[in-house]
Amino acid sequence: MAAFDTNRTVNVMSAGRVTRAVADAFGSVIAWNDARVTRNALNKLSARELEDIGLVRGDIDNIANRRF
C-alpha cells in the first residue's frame, strides 16, 4: 500500500517575496508611465512656457525621471 503525505507547509517567506516582486514590478510600471506622461506634457510646451516655469528643454528628462 502506498501512502501520500498531503500536508504541505506553506513557506510564508516565499509567498511574501513573490508578492513583493509583483508589487515592485507594478510600481516600476506606474513610475515609468508617470515619467512618460510628464515628459510628453513638458515637451508640448514652448521654450517661452518652459522659461516661465524655470526650465529649459534639457531639464525635461531629469524632471520626468525624478522620484519623490
PDB file of N, CA and C in Angstrom:
ATOM      1  N   MET A   1       0.844  -1.158   0.000  1.00  0.00           N
ATOM      2  CA  MET A   1       0.000   0.000   0.000  1.00  0.00           C
ATOM      3  C   MET A   1       0.901   1.238   0.000  1.00  0.00           C
ATOM      4  N   ALA A   2       0.527   2.193  -0.795  1.00  0.00           N
ATOM      5  CA  ALA A   2       1.289   3.438  -0.892  1.00  0.00           C
ATOM      6  C   ALA A   2       0.622   4.505  -0.034  1.00  0.00           C
ATOM      7  N   ALA A   3       1.425   5.322   0.529  1.00  0.00           N
ATOM      8  CA  ALA A   3       0.890   6.416   1.357  1.00  0.00           C
ATOM      9  C   ALA A   3       1.431   7.737   0.819  1.00  0.00           C
ATOM     10  N   PHE A   4       0.566   8.714   0.747  1.00  0.00           N
ATOM     11  CA  PHE A   4       0.960  10.038   0.283  1.00  0.00           C
ATOM     12  C   PHE A   4       0.794  11.033   1.413  1.00  0.00           C
ATOM     13  N   ASP A   5       1.775  11.871   1.540  1.00  0.00           N
ATOM     14  CA  ASP A   5       1.694  12.927   2.550  1.00  0.00           C
ATOM     15  C   ASP A   5       1.022  14.129   1.901  1.00  0.00           C
ATOM     16  N   THR A   6      -0.177  14.457   2.305  1.00  0.00           N
ATOM     17  CA  THR A   6      -0.914  15.556   1.698  1.00  0.00           C
ATOM     18  C   THR A   6      -0.825  16.841   2.514  1.00  0.00           C
ATOM     19  N   ASN A   7      -0.098  16.799   3.583  1.00  0.00           N
ATOM     20  CA  ASN A   7       0.055  18.001   4.397  1.00  0.00           C
ATOM     21  C   ASN A   7       1.293  18.767   3.935  1.00  0.00           C
ATOM     22  N   ARG A   8       1.075  19.889   3.340  1.00  0.00           N
ATOM     23  CA  ARG A   8       2.185  20.717   2.885  1.00  0.00           C
ATOM     24  C   ARG A   8       2.259  21.953   3.754  1.00  0.00           C
ATOM     25  N   THR A   9       3.451  22.328   4.045  1.00  0.00           N
ATOM     26  CA  THR A   9       3.632  23.580   4.773  1.00  0.00           C
ATOM     27  C   THR A   9       3.871  24.675   3.756  1.00  0.00           C
ATOM     28  N   VAL A  10       3.231  25.773   3.954  1.00  0.00           N
ATOM     29  CA  VAL A  10       3.384  26.909   3.059  1.00  0.00           C
ATOM     30  C   VAL A  10       4.506  27.770   3.595  1.00  0.00           C
ATOM     31  N   ASN A  11       5.451  28.024   2.751  1.00  0.00           N
ATOM     32  CA  ASN A  11       6.563  28.874   3.137  1.00  0.00           C
ATOM     33  C   ASN A  11       6.120  30.330   3.009  1.00  0.00           C
ATOM     34  N   VAL A  12       5.831  30.944   4.119  1.00  0.00           N
ATOM     35  CA  VAL A  12       5.321  32.320   4.128  1.00  0.00           C
ATOM     36  C   VAL A  12       6.346  33.280   3.547  1.00  0.00           C
ATOM     37  N   MET A  13       7.606  33.026   3.791  1.00  0.00           N
ATOM     38  CA  MET A  13       8.648  33.907   3.262  1.00  0.00           C
ATOM     39  C   MET A  13       8.644  33.903   1.742  1.00  0.00           C
ATOM     40  N   SER A  14       8.455  32.745   1.120  1.00  0.00           N
ATOM     41  CA  SER A  14       8.419  32.666  -0.338  1.00  0.00           C
ATOM     42  C   SER A  14       7.214  33.412  -0.884  1.00  0.00           C
ATOM     43  N   ALA A  15       6.072  33.243  -0.253  1.00  0.00           N
ATOM     44  CA  ALA A  15       4.867  33.944  -0.696  1.00  0.00           C
ATOM     45  C   ALA A  15       5.061  35.450  -0.560  1.00  0.00           C
ATOM     46  N   GLY A  16       5.707  35.876   0.511  1.00  0.00           N
ATOM     47  CA  GLY A  16       5.961  37.301   0.708  1.00  0.00           C
ATOM     48  C   GLY A  16       6.919  37.853  -0.330  1.00  0.00           C
ATOM     49  N   ARG A  17       7.902  37.072  -0.711  1.00  0.00           N
ATOM     50  CA  ARG A  17       8.859  37.508  -1.729  1.00  0.00           C
ATOM     51  C   ARG A  17       8.188  37.644  -3.082  1.00  0.00           C
ATOM     52  N   VAL A  18       7.336  36.705  -3.405  1.00  0.00           N
ATOM     53  CA  VAL A  18       6.627  36.775  -4.684  1.00  0.00           C
ATOM     54  C   VAL A  18       5.715  37.989  -4.703  1.00  0.00           C
ATOM     55  N   THR A  19       4.996  38.202  -3.615  1.00  0.00           N
ATOM     56  CA  THR A  19       4.111  39.360  -3.523  1.00  0.00           C
ATOM     57  C   THR A  19       4.907  40.651  -3.652  1.00  0.00           C
ATOM     58  N   ARG A  20       6.052  40.704  -2.989  1.00  0.00           N
ATOM     59  CA  ARG A  20       6.901  41.891  -3.051  1.00  0.00           C
ATOM     60  C   ARG A  20       7.428  42.116  -4.468  1.00  0.00           C
ATOM     61  N   ALA A  21       7.818  41.047  -5.152  1.00  0.00           N
ATOM     62  CA  ALA A  21       8.323  41.170  -6.520  1.00  0.00           C
ATOM     63  C   ALA A  21       7.242  41.695  -7.459  1.00  0.00           C
ATOM     64  N   VAL A  22       6.037  41.187  -7.302  1.00  0.00           N
ATOM     65  CA  VAL A  22       4.922  41.656  -8.135  1.00  0.00           C
ATOM     66  C   VAL A  22       4.621  43.120  -7.825  1.00  0.00           C
ATOM     67  N   ALA A  23       4.618  43.488  -6.554  1.00  0.00           N
ATOM     68  CA  ALA A  23       4.358  44.875  -6.167  1.00  0.00           C
ATOM     69  C   ALA A  23       5.451  45.796  -6.698  1.00  0.00           C
ATOM     70  N   ASP A  24       6.703  45.369  -6.641  1.00  0.00           N
ATOM     71  CA  ASP A  24       7.808  46.174  -7.173  1.00  0.00           C
ATOM     72  C   ASP A  24       7.685  46.351  -8.681  1.00  0.00           C
ATOM     73  N   ALA A  25       7.329  45.281  -9.379  1.00  0.00           N
ATOM     74  CA  ALA A  25       7.157  45.368 -10.828  1.00  0.00           C
ATOM     75  C   ALA A  25       6.014  46.318 -11.175  1.00  0.00           C
ATOM     76  N   PHE A  26       4.924  46.204 -10.453  1.00  0.00           N
ATOM     77  CA  PHE A  26       3.771  47.072 -10.685  1.00  0.00           C
ATOM     78  C   PHE A  26       4.146  48.532 -10.414  1.00  0.00           C
ATOM     79  N   GLY A  27       4.879  48.766  -9.338  1.00  0.00           N
ATOM     80  CA  GLY A  27       5.333  50.117  -9.012  1.00  0.00           C
ATOM     81  C   GLY A  27       6.267  50.687 -10.072  1.00  0.00           C
ATOM     82  N   SER A  28       7.108  49.840 -10.635  1.00  0.00           N
ATOM     83  CA  SER A  28       8.018  50.286 -11.698  1.00  0.00           C
ATOM     84  C   SER A  28       7.253  50.704 -12.945  1.00  0.00           C
ATOM     85  N   VAL A  29       6.228  49.957 -13.278  1.00  0.00           N
ATOM     86  CA  VAL A  29       5.398  50.304 -14.444  1.00  0.00           C
ATOM     87  C   VAL A  29       4.682  51.626 -14.205  1.00  0.00           C
ATOM     88  N   ILE A  30       4.176  51.825 -13.006  1.00  0.00           N
ATOM     89  CA  ILE A  30       3.494  53.082 -12.672  1.00  0.00           C
ATOM     90  C   ILE A  30       4.466  54.258 -12.739  1.00  0.00           C
ATOM     91  N   ALA A  31       5.670  54.087 -12.201  1.00  0.00           N
ATOM     92  CA  ALA A  31       6.680  55.149 -12.234  1.00  0.00           C
ATOM     93  C   ALA A  31       7.078  55.464 -13.667  1.00  0.00           C
ATOM     94  N   TRP A  32       7.256  54.428 -14.485  1.00  0.00           N
ATOM     95  CA  TRP A  32       7.600  54.632 -15.897  1.00  0.00           C
ATOM     96  C   TRP A  32       6.497  55.425 -16.610  1.00  0.00           C
ATOM     97  N   ASN A  33       5.243  55.063 -16.362  1.00  0.00           N
ATOM     98  CA  ASN A  33       4.138  55.755 -17.015  1.00  0.00           C
ATOM     99  C   ASN A  33       4.038  57.209 -16.547  1.00  0.00           C
ATOM    100  N   ASP A  34       4.237  57.455 -15.262  1.00  0.00           N
ATOM    101  CA  ASP A  34       4.217  58.833 -14.757  1.00  0.00           C
ATOM    102  C   ASP A  34       5.304  59.672 -15.416  1.00  0.00           C
ATOM    103  N   ALA A  35       6.499  59.108 -15.549  1.00  0.00           N
ATOM    104  CA  ALA A  35       7.603  59.824 -16.200  1.00  0.00           C
ATOM    105  C   ALA A  35       7.274  60.088 -17.664  1.00  0.00           C
ATOM    106  N   ARG A  36       6.669  59.121 -18.336  1.00  0.00           N
ATOM    107  CA  ARG A  36       6.298  59.278 -19.741  1.00  0.00           C
ATOM    108  C   ARG A  36       5.277  60.406 -19.920  1.00  0.00           C
ATOM    109  N   VAL A  37       4.273  60.424 -19.063  1.00  0.00           N
ATOM    110  CA  VAL A  37       3.234  61.454 -19.149  1.00  0.00           C
ATOM    111  C   VAL A  37       3.835  62.834 -18.877  1.00  0.00           C
ATOM    112  N   THR A  38       4.687  62.930 -17.867  1.00  0.00           N
ATOM    113  CA  THR A  38       5.335  64.201 -17.536  1.00  0.00           C
ATOM    114  C   THR A  38       6.206  64.675 -18.692  1.00  0.00           C
ATOM    115  N   ARG A  39       7.013  63.754 -19.243  1.00  0.00           N
ATOM    116  CA  ARG A  39       7.891  64.097 -20.363  1.00  0.00           C
ATOM    117  C   ARG A  39       7.081  64.591 -21.559  1.00  0.00           C
ATOM    118  N   ASN A  40       5.989  63.917 -21.883  1.00  0.00           N
ATOM    119  CA  ASN A  40       5.153  64.328 -23.015  1.00  0.00           C
ATOM    120  C   ASN A  40       4.529  65.701 -22.781  1.00  0.00           C
ATOM    121  N   ALA A  41       4.063  65.948 -21.565  1.00  0.00           N
ATOM    122  CA  ALA A  41       3.436  67.239 -21.255  1.00  0.00           C
ATOM    123  C   ALA A  41       4.460  68.370 -21.355  1.00  0.00           C
ATOM    124  N   LEU A  42       5.661  68.152 -20.826  1.00  0.00           N
ATOM    125  CA  LEU A  42       6.680  69.194 -20.886  1.00  0.00           C
ATOM    126  C   LEU A  42       7.191  69.408 -22.298  1.00  0.00           C
ATOM    127  N   ASN A  43       7.267  68.359 -23.089  1.00  0.00           N
ATOM    128  CA  ASN A  43       7.725  68.501 -24.474  1.00  0.00           C
ATOM    129  C   ASN A  43       6.736  69.286 -25.331  1.00  0.00           C
ATOM    130  N   LYS A  44       5.475  69.330 -24.927  1.00  0.00           N
ATOM    131  CA  LYS A  44       4.472  70.087 -25.682  1.00  0.00           C
ATOM    132  C   LYS A  44       4.566  71.589 -25.428  1.00  0.00           C
ATOM    133  N   LEU A  45       5.265  71.981 -24.356  1.00  0.00           N
ATOM    134  CA  LEU A  45       5.396  73.396 -24.036  1.00  0.00           C
ATOM    135  C   LEU A  45       6.422  74.067 -24.950  1.00  0.00           C
ATOM    136  N   SER A  46       6.191  75.336 -25.207  1.00  0.00           N
ATOM    137  CA  SER A  46       7.156  76.096 -25.997  1.00  0.00           C
ATOM    138  C   SER A  46       8.344  76.484 -25.111  1.00  0.00           C
ATOM    139  N   ALA A  47       9.404  76.974 -25.741  1.00  0.00           N
ATOM    140  CA  ALA A  47      10.585  77.406 -24.991  1.00  0.00           C
ATOM    141  C   ALA A  47      10.213  78.537 -24.035  1.00  0.00           C
ATOM    142  N   ARG A  48       9.325  79.421 -24.467  1.00  0.00           N
ATOM    143  CA  ARG A  48       8.886  80.524 -23.623  1.00  0.00           C
ATOM    144  C   ARG A  48       8.123  80.012 -22.396  1.00  0.00           C
ATOM    145  N   GLU A  49       7.237  79.039 -22.592  1.00  0.00           N
ATOM    146  CA  GLU A  49       6.477  78.482 -21.483  1.00  0.00           C
ATOM    147  C   GLU A  49       7.395  77.741 -20.497  1.00  0.00           C
ATOM    148  N   LEU A  50       8.378  77.023 -21.027  1.00  0.00           N
ATOM    149  CA  LEU A  50       9.342  76.356 -20.156  1.00  0.00           C
ATOM    150  C   LEU A  50      10.134  77.379 -19.353  1.00  0.00           C
ATOM    151  N   GLU A  51      10.520  78.467 -20.009  1.00  0.00           N
ATOM    152  CA  GLU A  51      11.266  79.529 -19.323  1.00  0.00           C
ATOM    153  C   GLU A  51      10.432  80.136 -18.197  1.00  0.00           C
ATOM    154  N   ASP A  52       9.137  80.274 -18.422  1.00  0.00           N
ATOM    155  CA  ASP A  52       8.252  80.828 -17.401  1.00  0.00           C
ATOM    156  C   ASP A  52       8.225  79.986 -16.121  1.00  0.00           C
ATOM    157  N   ILE A  53       8.413  78.694 -16.261  1.00  0.00           N
ATOM    158  CA  ILE A  53       8.418  77.834 -15.077  1.00  0.00           C
ATOM    159  C   ILE A  53       9.840  77.478 -14.638  1.00  0.00           C
ATOM    160  N   GLY A  54      10.812  78.140 -15.228  1.00  0.00           N
ATOM    161  CA  GLY A  54      12.200  77.996 -14.797  1.00  0.00           C
ATOM    162  C   GLY A  54      12.923  76.776 -15.333  1.00  0.00           C
ATOM    163  N   LEU A  55      12.504  76.296 -16.490  1.00  0.00           N
ATOM    164  CA  LEU A  55      13.137  75.126 -17.087  1.00  0.00           C
ATOM    165  C   LEU A  55      13.650  75.438 -18.482  1.00  0.00           C
ATOM    166  N   VAL A  56      14.577  74.613 -18.926  1.00  0.00           N
ATOM    167  CA  VAL A  56      14.998  74.605 -20.329  1.00  0.00           C
ATOM    168  C   VAL A  56      14.734  73.204 -20.856  1.00  0.00           C
ATOM    169  N   ARG A  57      14.725  73.063 -22.157  1.00  0.00           N
ATOM    170  CA  ARG A  57      14.377  71.782 -22.759  1.00  0.00           C
ATOM    171  C   ARG A  57      15.274  70.644 -22.254  1.00  0.00           C
ATOM    172  N   GLY A  58      16.529  70.931 -21.950  1.00  0.00           N
ATOM    173  CA  GLY A  58      17.450  69.920 -21.454  1.00  0.00           C
ATOM    174  C   GLY A  58      17.112  69.406 -20.063  1.00  0.00           C
ATOM    175  N   ASP A  59      16.269  70.113 -19.331  1.00  0.00           N
ATOM    176  CA  ASP A  59      15.881  69.690 -17.984  1.00  0.00           C
ATOM    177  C   ASP A  59      14.748  68.659 -17.971  1.00  0.00           C
ATOM    178  N   ILE A  60      14.093  68.468 -19.087  1.00  0.00           N
ATOM    179  CA  ILE A  60      12.872  67.657 -19.120  1.00  0.00           C
ATOM    180  C   ILE A  60      13.125  66.228 -18.659  1.00  0.00           C
ATOM    181  N   ASP A  61      14.163  65.570 -19.169  1.00  0.00           N
ATOM    182  CA  ASP A  61      14.417  64.179 -18.765  1.00  0.00           C
ATOM    183  C   ASP A  61      14.719  64.071 -17.276  1.00  0.00           C
ATOM    184  N   ASN A  62      15.489  65.023 -16.736  1.00  0.00           N
ATOM    185  CA  ASN A  62      15.799  64.995 -15.306  1.00  0.00           C
ATOM    186  C   ASN A  62      14.544  65.171 -14.464  1.00  0.00           C
ATOM    187  N   ILE A  63      13.688  66.065 -14.871  1.00  0.00           N
ATOM    188  CA  ILE A  63      12.437  66.315 -14.123  1.00  0.00           C
ATOM    189  C   ILE A  63      11.520  65.097 -14.221  1.00  0.00           C
ATOM    190  N   ALA A  64      11.392  64.521 -15.411  1.00  0.00           N
ATOM    191  CA  ALA A  64      10.476  63.395 -15.622  1.00  0.00           C
ATOM    192  C   ALA A  64      10.918  62.146 -14.860  1.00  0.00           C
ATOM    193  N   ASN A  65      12.209  61.938 -14.703  1.00  0.00           N
ATOM    194  CA  ASN A  65      12.699  60.723 -14.061  1.00  0.00           C
ATOM    195  C   ASN A  65      12.930  60.874 -12.559  1.00  0.00           C
ATOM    196  N   ARG A  66      12.675  62.050 -12.021  1.00  0.00           N
ATOM    197  CA  ARG A  66      12.869  62.284 -10.581  1.00  0.00           C
ATOM    198  C   ARG A  66      11.797  61.539  -9.808  1.00  0.00           C
ATOM    199  N   ARG A  67      12.228  60.865  -8.740  1.00  0.00           N
ATOM    200  CA  ARG A  67      11.274  60.164  -7.859  1.00  0.00           C
ATOM    201  C   ARG A  67      11.212  60.893  -6.537  1.00  0.00           C
ATOM    202  N   PHE A  68      10.012  61.060  -6.042  1.00  0.00           N
ATOM    203  CA  PHE A  68       9.808  61.787  -4.802  1.00  0.00           C
ATOM    204  C   PHE A  68       9.453  60.854  -3.690  1.00  0.00           C
TER     205      PHE A  68
END
